[in-house]
Amino acid sequence: MKTQGYVKLINSAGTNKNSVLEMNILPGEKTPWHYHTLFSETFEILKGALEVGKGKNIYHLKQGDIVTIQPNEKHYYHNISKEECIIKATLNPGNKNFENSILILKGIAIDGLANAAGTPKKLSDLALFIYLNNSNMVGFQKIAEPIFNWVAKSAIKNGHLNELLQRYATINEAVLTTA
């Protein structure tokens, strides 16, 4: 069997100081350069390899490696290998919205509603993901930030966020396997 998507919430900001999630990052899955203002983010590679851009540096991490991104520090990740990478991500302080954003993102991917890079295909889903996980864009993408914020707030107002939360974030682990 081949795993398509996996996320497990180990510690929640609802009951702990930090948010801790274990998840896989599939081959080709990536984020654009971005930064968070509310928390630091530590990646520990449990299996596989991951390219992480941090500030002006690019790191090629392997099993056992750990990297911490501070608040306001621009970063990205990209699985450039042909194998899944499993990471433990720790947010300090924890952030319940970030936890929900990852559960929603992996759930959307499991349901085939994301592209090969893991990006939601539906604009409102993408906007909600960015909004919930406190992602701030950098470079030319910064121009789109007000549009994403407007779309996210509209999706919250019309109940779409509640639908996604009920579908994907009421569980603390999402896994899909195929033959």
N, C-alpha and C. Protein backbone atom coordinates (compact mmCIF):
# COMPACT_ATOMS: atom_id res chain seq x y z
N MET A 1 0.82 -1.19 0.00
CA MET A 1 0.00 0.00 0.00
C MET A 1 0.87 1.25 0.00
N LYS A 2 0.35 2.27 -0.65
CA LYS A 2 1.07 3.52 -0.75
C LYS A 2 0.30 4.61 0.02
N THR A 3 0.96 5.29 0.93
CA THR A 3 0.31 6.34 1.70
C THR A 3 0.22 7.61 0.85
N GLN A 4 -0.98 8.20 0.80
CA GLN A 4 -1.19 9.42 0.03
C GLN A 4 -1.17 10.67 0.90
N GLY A 5 -1.61 10.56 2.10
CA GLY A 5 -1.64 11.72 2.97
C GLY A 5 -1.69 11.27 4.41
N TYR A 6 -1.02 11.98 5.27
CA TYR A 6 -0.97 11.57 6.68
C TYR A 6 -0.68 12.79 7.54
N VAL A 7 -1.46 12.97 8.59
CA VAL A 7 -1.16 13.97 9.61
C VAL A 7 -1.71 13.46 10.93
N LYS A 8 -0.94 13.63 11.98
CA LYS A 8 -1.37 13.22 13.31
C LYS A 8 -1.06 14.37 14.26
N LEU A 9 -2.09 14.82 14.98
CA LEU A 9 -1.92 15.86 15.98
C LEU A 9 -1.47 15.20 17.27
N ILE A 10 -0.23 15.47 17.69
CA ILE A 10 0.34 14.85 18.89
C ILE A 10 0.01 15.69 20.12
N ASN A 11 0.26 17.00 20.04
CA ASN A 11 -0.09 17.94 21.12
C ASN A 11 -0.85 19.10 20.50
N SER A 12 -1.93 19.51 21.15
CA SER A 12 -2.73 20.62 20.66
C SER A 12 -2.54 21.85 21.54
N ALA A 13 -2.59 23.00 20.90
CA ALA A 13 -2.51 24.26 21.63
C ALA A 13 -3.69 24.41 22.58
N GLY A 14 -4.74 23.64 22.35
CA GLY A 14 -5.89 23.68 23.25
C GLY A 14 -5.57 23.16 24.64
N THR A 15 -4.58 22.28 24.75
CA THR A 15 -4.25 21.67 26.04
C THR A 15 -2.77 21.74 26.39
N ASN A 16 -1.93 22.21 25.48
CA ASN A 16 -0.48 22.27 25.71
C ASN A 16 0.07 23.62 25.27
N LYS A 17 1.28 23.91 25.72
CA LYS A 17 1.94 25.17 25.33
C LYS A 17 2.26 25.17 23.84
N ASN A 18 2.71 24.03 23.32
CA ASN A 18 3.11 23.93 21.92
C ASN A 18 2.14 23.07 21.13
N SER A 19 2.09 23.32 19.83
CA SER A 19 1.41 22.43 18.90
C SER A 19 2.47 21.49 18.34
N VAL A 20 2.18 20.19 18.32
CA VAL A 20 3.11 19.22 17.74
C VAL A 20 2.30 18.34 16.79
N LEU A 21 2.75 18.31 15.53
CA LEU A 21 2.10 17.49 14.51
C LEU A 21 3.12 16.60 13.84
N GLU A 22 2.73 15.39 13.55
CA GLU A 22 3.55 14.51 12.71
C GLU A 22 2.81 14.39 11.39
N MET A 23 3.53 14.54 10.29
CA MET A 23 2.88 14.48 8.98
C MET A 23 3.88 14.06 7.91
N ASN A 24 3.31 13.58 6.81
CA ASN A 24 4.18 13.28 5.69
C ASN A 24 4.15 14.42 4.70
N ILE A 25 5.24 14.54 3.98
CA ILE A 25 5.35 15.48 2.87
C ILE A 25 5.71 14.62 1.67
N LEU A 26 4.78 14.57 0.73
CA LEU A 26 4.91 13.68 -0.42
C LEU A 26 5.92 14.22 -1.42
N PRO A 27 6.48 13.36 -2.27
CA PRO A 27 7.38 13.83 -3.32
C PRO A 27 6.72 14.94 -4.14
N GLY A 28 7.43 16.04 -4.30
CA GLY A 28 6.91 17.17 -5.06
C GLY A 28 6.13 18.17 -4.23
N GLU A 29 5.71 17.78 -3.03
CA GLU A 29 4.93 18.69 -2.18
C GLU A 29 5.83 19.82 -1.69
N LYS A 30 5.27 21.04 -1.70
CA LYS A 30 6.09 22.19 -1.33
C LYS A 30 5.21 23.36 -0.91
N THR A 31 5.85 24.31 -0.26
CA THR A 31 5.23 25.60 0.06
C THR A 31 6.03 26.68 -0.66
N PRO A 32 5.40 27.82 -0.92
CA PRO A 32 6.19 28.95 -1.42
C PRO A 32 6.91 29.62 -0.24
N TRP A 33 7.82 30.53 -0.54
CA TRP A 33 8.45 31.32 0.51
C TRP A 33 7.35 32.05 1.27
N HIS A 34 7.42 32.04 2.59
CA HIS A 34 6.44 32.71 3.43
C HIS A 34 7.04 32.89 4.83
N TYR A 35 6.30 33.54 5.71
CA TYR A 35 6.72 33.65 7.10
C TYR A 35 5.49 33.70 7.99
N HIS A 36 5.70 33.39 9.26
CA HIS A 36 4.65 33.44 10.28
C HIS A 36 5.06 34.48 11.32
N THR A 37 4.08 35.19 11.86
CA THR A 37 4.38 36.21 12.86
C THR A 37 4.10 35.74 14.29
N LEU A 38 3.30 34.69 14.45
CA LEU A 38 2.79 34.32 15.76
C LEU A 38 3.58 33.23 16.49
N PHE A 39 4.46 32.51 15.80
CA PHE A 39 5.12 31.36 16.42
C PHE A 39 6.40 31.00 15.68
N SER A 40 7.27 30.26 16.38
CA SER A 40 8.41 29.63 15.71
C SER A 40 7.94 28.25 15.25
N GLU A 41 8.63 27.71 14.29
CA GLU A 41 8.26 26.42 13.70
C GLU A 41 9.53 25.57 13.61
N THR A 42 9.51 24.41 14.27
CA THR A 42 10.66 23.51 14.24
C THR A 42 10.28 22.26 13.47
N PHE A 43 11.12 21.90 12.49
CA PHE A 43 10.93 20.68 11.73
C PHE A 43 11.98 19.66 12.16
N GLU A 44 11.55 18.48 12.53
CA GLU A 44 12.45 17.36 12.80
C GLU A 44 12.15 16.28 11.76
N ILE A 45 13.16 15.87 11.03
CA ILE A 45 12.98 14.87 9.98
C ILE A 45 13.01 13.49 10.63
N LEU A 46 11.88 12.80 10.59
CA LEU A 46 11.77 11.46 11.16
C LEU A 46 12.11 10.37 10.15
N LYS A 47 11.85 10.66 8.87
CA LYS A 47 12.13 9.70 7.80
C LYS A 47 12.25 10.48 6.50
N GLY A 48 13.19 10.09 5.66
CA GLY A 48 13.33 10.71 4.35
C GLY A 48 14.20 11.94 4.36
N ALA A 49 13.94 12.82 3.38
CA ALA A 49 14.74 14.02 3.19
C ALA A 49 13.83 15.18 2.80
N LEU A 50 14.27 16.39 3.13
CA LEU A 50 13.47 17.57 2.84
C LEU A 50 14.38 18.76 2.59
N GLU A 51 14.08 19.51 1.54
CA GLU A 51 14.77 20.77 1.29
C GLU A 51 14.02 21.86 2.02
N VAL A 52 14.74 22.65 2.82
CA VAL A 52 14.14 23.75 3.56
C VAL A 52 14.94 25.01 3.27
N GLY A 53 14.25 26.02 2.80
CA GLY A 53 14.84 27.34 2.66
C GLY A 53 14.55 28.12 3.92
N LYS A 54 15.57 28.78 4.45
CA LYS A 54 15.44 29.54 5.69
C LYS A 54 16.30 30.77 5.57
N GLY A 55 15.65 31.93 5.58
CA GLY A 55 16.41 33.17 5.39
C GLY A 55 17.08 33.15 4.02
N LYS A 56 18.39 33.27 4.01
CA LYS A 56 19.13 33.26 2.74
C LYS A 56 19.76 31.90 2.45
N ASN A 57 19.50 30.91 3.28
CA ASN A 57 20.13 29.59 3.14
C ASN A 57 19.14 28.53 2.71
N ILE A 58 19.66 27.50 2.04
CA ILE A 58 18.87 26.32 1.67
C ILE A 58 19.54 25.12 2.30
N TYR A 59 18.76 24.34 3.03
CA TYR A 59 19.26 23.17 3.74
C TYR A 59 18.66 21.91 3.12
N HIS A 60 19.47 20.87 3.04
CA HIS A 60 19.01 19.55 2.60
C HIS A 60 19.05 18.65 3.83
N LEU A 61 17.89 18.52 4.44
CA LEU A 61 17.78 17.80 5.71
C LEU A 61 17.50 16.33 5.47
N LYS A 62 18.01 15.50 6.38
CA LYS A 62 17.76 14.06 6.33
C LYS A 62 17.34 13.59 7.72
N GLN A 63 17.01 12.32 7.82
CA GLN A 63 16.53 11.76 9.08
C GLN A 63 17.43 12.18 10.25
N GLY A 64 16.80 12.70 11.30
CA GLY A 64 17.53 13.13 12.50
C GLY A 64 17.86 14.61 12.52
N ASP A 65 17.79 15.28 11.36
CA ASP A 65 18.09 16.71 11.32
C ASP A 65 16.91 17.52 11.84
N ILE A 66 17.24 18.66 12.45
CA ILE A 66 16.24 19.57 13.01
C ILE A 66 16.58 20.99 12.58
N VAL A 67 15.56 21.74 12.21
CA VAL A 67 15.75 23.15 11.89
C VAL A 67 14.59 23.94 12.51
N THR A 68 14.91 25.12 13.06
CA THR A 68 13.89 25.98 13.64
C THR A 68 13.82 27.29 12.87
N ILE A 69 12.61 27.67 12.53
CA ILE A 69 12.35 28.92 11.85
C ILE A 69 11.71 29.85 12.88
N GLN A 70 12.32 31.00 13.06
CA GLN A 70 11.83 31.97 14.05
C GLN A 70 10.66 32.77 13.48
N PRO A 71 9.85 33.39 14.35
CA PRO A 71 8.78 34.27 13.85
C PRO A 71 9.39 35.33 12.92
N ASN A 72 8.67 35.63 11.85
CA ASN A 72 9.06 36.63 10.85
C ASN A 72 10.23 36.22 9.97
N GLU A 73 10.70 34.98 10.09
CA GLU A 73 11.80 34.50 9.25
C GLU A 73 11.21 33.80 8.02
N LYS A 74 11.59 34.28 6.85
CA LYS A 74 11.02 33.67 5.63
C LYS A 74 11.59 32.27 5.45
N HIS A 75 10.71 31.39 4.93
CA HIS A 75 11.11 29.99 4.75
C HIS A 75 10.19 29.29 3.77
N TYR A 76 10.58 28.11 3.35
CA TYR A 76 9.77 27.22 2.54
C TYR A 76 10.24 25.81 2.79
N TYR A 77 9.45 24.83 2.35
CA TYR A 77 9.95 23.45 2.28
C TYR A 77 9.52 22.84 0.97
N HIS A 78 10.29 21.85 0.53
CA HIS A 78 10.02 21.18 -0.74
C HIS A 78 10.61 19.77 -0.66
N ASN A 79 9.77 18.79 -0.88
CA ASN A 79 10.27 17.42 -0.95
C ASN A 79 10.71 17.17 -2.38
N ILE A 80 12.01 17.26 -2.62
CA ILE A 80 12.55 17.08 -3.97
C ILE A 80 12.95 15.63 -4.23
N SER A 81 12.74 14.76 -3.24
CA SER A 81 13.10 13.35 -3.40
C SER A 81 11.93 12.59 -4.03
N LYS A 82 12.14 11.32 -4.28
CA LYS A 82 11.10 10.45 -4.83
C LYS A 82 10.39 9.66 -3.73
N GLU A 83 10.75 9.90 -2.49
CA GLU A 83 10.17 9.20 -1.34
C GLU A 83 9.45 10.19 -0.43
N GLU A 84 8.46 9.69 0.30
CA GLU A 84 7.80 10.58 1.26
C GLU A 84 8.77 10.94 2.38
N CYS A 85 8.55 12.09 2.93
CA CYS A 85 9.31 12.56 4.09
C CYS A 85 8.32 12.66 5.24
N ILE A 86 8.69 12.16 6.40
CA ILE A 86 7.84 12.29 7.58
C ILE A 86 8.54 13.23 8.54
N ILE A 87 7.81 14.24 8.97
CA ILE A 87 8.38 15.24 9.88
C ILE A 87 7.53 15.37 11.13
N LYS A 88 8.18 15.86 12.17
CA LYS A 88 7.48 16.32 13.36
C LYS A 88 7.64 17.83 13.34
N ALA A 89 6.51 18.54 13.32
CA ALA A 89 6.53 20.00 13.32
C ALA A 89 6.05 20.48 14.69
N THR A 90 6.84 21.35 15.31
CA THR A 90 6.49 21.90 16.61
C THR A 90 6.36 23.41 16.49
N LEU A 91 5.23 23.94 16.93
CA LEU A 91 5.00 25.38 16.95
C LEU A 91 5.08 25.86 18.38
N ASN A 92 5.84 26.95 18.58
CA ASN A 92 6.01 27.52 19.90
C ASN A 92 5.77 29.03 19.82
N PRO A 93 4.74 29.56 20.44
CA PRO A 93 3.69 28.84 21.15
C PRO A 93 2.77 28.13 20.16
N GLY A 94 2.01 27.19 20.68
CA GLY A 94 1.07 26.45 19.85
C GLY A 94 0.02 27.36 19.24
N ASN A 95 -0.61 26.88 18.17
CA ASN A 95 -1.61 27.68 17.48
C ASN A 95 -2.69 26.76 16.92
N LYS A 96 -3.88 26.83 17.50
CA LYS A 96 -4.99 25.96 17.11
C LYS A 96 -5.40 26.18 15.66
N ASN A 97 -5.38 27.43 15.17
CA ASN A 97 -5.71 27.68 13.77
C ASN A 97 -4.74 26.99 12.83
N PHE A 98 -3.44 27.00 13.18
CA PHE A 98 -2.46 26.30 12.36
C PHE A 98 -2.76 24.81 12.34
N GLU A 99 -3.04 24.24 13.51
CA GLU A 99 -3.37 22.82 13.59
C GLU A 99 -4.54 22.50 12.65
N ASN A 100 -5.60 23.30 12.74
CA ASN A 100 -6.76 23.08 11.88
C ASN A 100 -6.42 23.23 10.41
N SER A 101 -5.55 24.19 10.08
CA SER A 101 -5.18 24.40 8.68
C SER A 101 -4.48 23.18 8.10
N ILE A 102 -3.63 22.54 8.89
CA ILE A 102 -2.92 21.35 8.41
C ILE A 102 -3.87 20.17 8.27
N LEU A 103 -4.76 19.98 9.25
CA LEU A 103 -5.75 18.90 9.15
C LEU A 103 -6.64 19.10 7.92
N ILE A 104 -7.06 20.34 7.68
CA ILE A 104 -7.87 20.63 6.49
C ILE A 104 -7.06 20.40 5.22
N LEU A 105 -5.83 20.89 5.18
CA LEU A 105 -5.00 20.75 3.98
C LEU A 105 -4.79 19.29 3.62
N LYS A 106 -4.42 18.47 4.61
CA LYS A 106 -4.19 17.05 4.33
C LYS A 106 -5.49 16.35 3.93
N GLY A 107 -6.60 16.74 4.57
CA GLY A 107 -7.89 16.16 4.21
C GLY A 107 -8.30 16.50 2.79
N ILE A 108 -8.08 17.75 2.41
CA ILE A 108 -8.38 18.18 1.04
C ILE A 108 -7.53 17.38 0.05
N ALA A 109 -6.26 17.20 0.37
CA ALA A 109 -5.36 16.44 -0.51
C ALA A 109 -5.83 14.99 -0.62
N ILE A 110 -6.21 14.39 0.51
CA ILE A 110 -6.69 13.01 0.52
C ILE A 110 -7.91 12.86 -0.39
N ASP A 111 -8.78 13.87 -0.38
CA ASP A 111 -9.99 13.84 -1.19
C ASP A 111 -9.75 14.23 -2.65
N GLY A 112 -8.48 14.45 -3.03
CA GLY A 112 -8.16 14.77 -4.42
C GLY A 112 -8.44 16.22 -4.78
N LEU A 113 -8.55 17.08 -3.80
CA LEU A 113 -8.88 18.48 -4.04
C LEU A 113 -7.66 19.40 -3.97
N ALA A 114 -6.47 18.80 -4.10
CA ALA A 114 -5.21 19.56 -4.13
C ALA A 114 -4.38 19.05 -5.29
N ASN A 115 -3.47 19.89 -5.77
CA ASN A 115 -2.60 19.45 -6.87
C ASN A 115 -1.43 18.64 -6.32
N ALA A 116 -0.53 18.22 -7.20
CA ALA A 116 0.59 17.36 -6.81
C ALA A 116 1.52 18.04 -5.81
N ALA A 117 1.56 19.36 -5.80
CA ALA A 117 2.40 20.09 -4.86
C ALA A 117 1.72 20.26 -3.50
N GLY A 118 0.46 19.77 -3.39
CA GLY A 118 -0.26 19.87 -2.13
C GLY A 118 -1.07 21.14 -1.98
N THR A 119 -1.14 21.95 -3.04
CA THR A 119 -1.87 23.21 -3.00
C THR A 119 -3.35 22.96 -3.30
N PRO A 120 -4.24 23.47 -2.45
CA PRO A 120 -5.67 23.31 -2.73
C PRO A 120 -6.04 23.89 -4.10
N LYS A 121 -6.90 23.16 -4.82
CA LYS A 121 -7.31 23.60 -6.15
C LYS A 121 -8.34 24.72 -6.09
N LYS A 122 -9.15 24.76 -5.05
CA LYS A 122 -10.21 25.75 -4.90
C LYS A 122 -9.64 26.99 -4.21
N LEU A 123 -9.87 28.17 -4.80
CA LEU A 123 -9.31 29.41 -4.26
C LEU A 123 -9.72 29.64 -2.81
N SER A 124 -10.97 29.38 -2.47
CA SER A 124 -11.40 29.63 -1.08
C SER A 124 -10.69 28.70 -0.11
N ASP A 125 -10.42 27.45 -0.51
CA ASP A 125 -9.69 26.52 0.36
C ASP A 125 -8.26 27.00 0.56
N LEU A 126 -7.62 27.44 -0.51
CA LEU A 126 -6.26 27.96 -0.42
C LEU A 126 -6.21 29.21 0.46
N ALA A 127 -7.16 30.12 0.26
CA ALA A 127 -7.18 31.35 1.04
C ALA A 127 -7.39 31.06 2.53
N LEU A 128 -8.28 30.12 2.84
CA LEU A 128 -8.50 29.76 4.24
C LEU A 128 -7.25 29.13 4.85
N PHE A 129 -6.55 28.27 4.09
CA PHE A 129 -5.33 27.65 4.59
C PHE A 129 -4.30 28.72 4.94
N ILE A 130 -4.09 29.65 4.03
CA ILE A 130 -3.10 30.72 4.25
C ILE A 130 -3.50 31.57 5.46
N TYR A 131 -4.76 31.91 5.53
CA TYR A 131 -5.28 32.75 6.62
C TYR A 131 -5.14 32.04 7.97
N LEU A 132 -5.56 30.78 8.04
CA LEU A 132 -5.54 30.04 9.30
C LEU A 132 -4.13 29.80 9.81
N ASN A 133 -3.19 29.50 8.90
CA ASN A 133 -1.87 29.14 9.40
C ASN A 133 -0.92 30.33 9.52
N ASN A 134 -1.49 31.54 9.48
CA ASN A 134 -0.70 32.74 9.72
C ASN A 134 0.45 32.86 8.74
N SER A 135 0.20 32.46 7.47
CA SER A 135 1.23 32.60 6.44
C SER A 135 1.16 34.00 5.85
N ASN A 136 2.30 34.62 5.76
CA ASN A 136 2.44 35.91 5.12
C ASN A 136 3.35 35.73 3.91
N MET A 137 2.92 36.25 2.79
CA MET A 137 3.65 36.04 1.55
C MET A 137 4.83 36.99 1.45
N VAL A 138 5.77 36.62 0.59
CA VAL A 138 6.95 37.46 0.35
C VAL A 138 7.07 37.69 -1.15
N GLY A 139 7.87 38.70 -1.50
CA GLY A 139 8.12 38.99 -2.91
C GLY A 139 6.87 39.43 -3.65
N PHE A 140 6.80 39.09 -4.93
CA PHE A 140 5.68 39.52 -5.76
C PHE A 140 4.35 38.93 -5.30
N GLN A 141 4.40 37.80 -4.59
CA GLN A 141 3.16 37.17 -4.10
C GLN A 141 2.47 38.03 -3.04
N LYS A 142 3.22 38.93 -2.42
CA LYS A 142 2.66 39.81 -1.39
C LYS A 142 1.50 40.63 -1.95
N ILE A 143 1.53 40.91 -3.24
CA ILE A 143 0.46 41.68 -3.89
C ILE A 143 -0.89 40.98 -3.75
N ALA A 144 -0.89 39.65 -3.76
CA ALA A 144 -2.13 38.88 -3.70
C ALA A 144 -2.69 38.75 -2.28
N GLU A 145 -1.91 39.11 -1.27
CA GLU A 145 -2.33 38.89 0.12
C GLU A 145 -3.68 39.53 0.47
N PRO A 146 -3.96 40.78 0.08
CA PRO A 146 -5.28 41.35 0.40
C PRO A 146 -6.43 40.57 -0.24
N ILE A 147 -6.22 40.07 -1.43
CA ILE A 147 -7.25 39.28 -2.12
C ILE A 147 -7.50 37.98 -1.35
N PHE A 148 -6.43 37.29 -0.96
CA PHE A 148 -6.56 36.05 -0.20
C PHE A 148 -7.28 36.31 1.13
N ASN A 149 -6.93 37.40 1.80
CA ASN A 149 -7.59 37.74 3.07
C ASN A 149 -9.09 37.98 2.86
N TRP A 150 -9.44 38.69 1.80
CA TRP A 150 -10.85 38.96 1.50
C TRP A 150 -11.59 37.66 1.20
N VAL A 151 -10.99 36.79 0.38
CA VAL A 151 -11.62 35.51 0.05
C VAL A 151 -11.78 34.66 1.31
N ALA A 152 -10.75 34.63 2.16
CA ALA A 152 -10.83 33.84 3.40
C ALA A 152 -11.94 34.36 4.31
N LYS A 153 -12.01 35.67 4.50
CA LYS A 153 -13.04 36.23 5.37
C LYS A 153 -14.44 35.99 4.80
N SER A 154 -14.57 36.02 3.47
CA SER A 154 -15.86 35.70 2.83
C SER A 154 -16.22 34.23 3.06
N ALA A 155 -15.22 33.35 2.96
CA ALA A 155 -15.46 31.91 3.17
C ALA A 155 -15.84 31.63 4.62
N ILE A 156 -15.29 32.39 5.54
CA ILE A 156 -15.66 32.24 6.94
C ILE A 156 -17.11 32.71 7.13
N LYS A 157 -17.42 33.86 6.55
CA LYS A 157 -18.76 34.44 6.70
C LYS A 157 -19.84 33.54 6.09
N ASN A 158 -19.55 32.91 4.95
CA ASN A 158 -20.58 32.08 4.30
C ASN A 158 -20.62 30.64 4.81
N GLY A 159 -19.81 30.33 5.83
CA GLY A 159 -19.88 29.01 6.44
C GLY A 159 -18.96 27.95 5.87
N HIS A 160 -18.17 28.31 4.86
CA HIS A 160 -17.29 27.31 4.23
C HIS A 160 -16.23 26.79 5.21
N LEU A 161 -15.69 27.68 6.04
CA LEU A 161 -14.70 27.24 7.03
C LEU A 161 -15.32 26.22 7.97
N ASN A 162 -16.53 26.48 8.45
CA ASN A 162 -17.18 25.53 9.34
C ASN A 162 -17.37 24.17 8.68
N GLU A 163 -17.71 24.16 7.38
CA GLU A 163 -17.85 22.90 6.65
C GLU A 163 -16.52 22.14 6.63
N LEU A 164 -15.44 22.86 6.34
CA LEU A 164 -14.12 22.22 6.29
C LEU A 164 -13.71 21.72 7.67
N LEU A 165 -13.96 22.50 8.70
CA LEU A 165 -13.61 22.08 10.06
C LEU A 165 -14.38 20.83 10.45
N GLN A 166 -15.67 20.79 10.13
CA GLN A 166 -16.47 19.60 10.46
C GLN A 166 -15.99 18.38 9.70
N ARG A 167 -15.60 18.58 8.45
CA ARG A 167 -15.19 17.44 7.61
C ARG A 167 -13.80 16.93 7.97
N TYR A 168 -12.87 17.85 8.23
CA TYR A 168 -11.47 17.44 8.35
C TYR A 168 -10.84 17.64 9.72
N ALA A 169 -11.30 18.59 10.50
CA ALA A 169 -10.58 18.93 11.74
C ALA A 169 -11.25 18.38 12.99
N THR A 170 -12.28 17.58 12.84
CA THR A 170 -12.90 16.97 14.01
C THR A 170 -12.19 15.68 14.40
N ILE A 171 -11.24 15.28 13.57
CA ILE A 171 -10.41 14.12 13.89
C ILE A 171 -9.01 14.63 14.17
N ASN A 172 -8.20 13.85 14.85
CA ASN A 172 -6.83 14.30 15.09
C ASN A 172 -5.81 13.53 14.26
N GLU A 173 -6.31 12.73 13.35
CA GLU A 173 -5.40 12.00 12.47
C GLU A 173 -6.12 11.70 11.18
N ALA A 174 -5.46 11.94 10.07
CA ALA A 174 -6.04 11.64 8.77
C ALA A 174 -5.04 10.82 7.96
N VAL A 175 -5.49 9.69 7.47
CA VAL A 175 -4.63 8.81 6.68
C VAL A 175 -5.43 8.25 5.52
N LEU A 176 -4.85 8.19 4.37
CA LEU A 176 -5.47 7.53 3.24
C LEU A 176 -4.43 6.61 2.63
N THR A 177 -4.82 5.39 2.38
CA THR A 177 -3.92 4.48 1.68
C THR A 177 -4.64 3.93 0.46
N THR A 178 -3.87 3.66 -0.57
CA THR A 178 -4.41 3.05 -1.78
C THR A 178 -3.55 1.86 -2.14
N ALA A 179 -4.11 0.94 -2.87
CA ALA A 179 -3.37 -0.26 -3.27
C ALA A 179 -2.31 0.08 -4.27
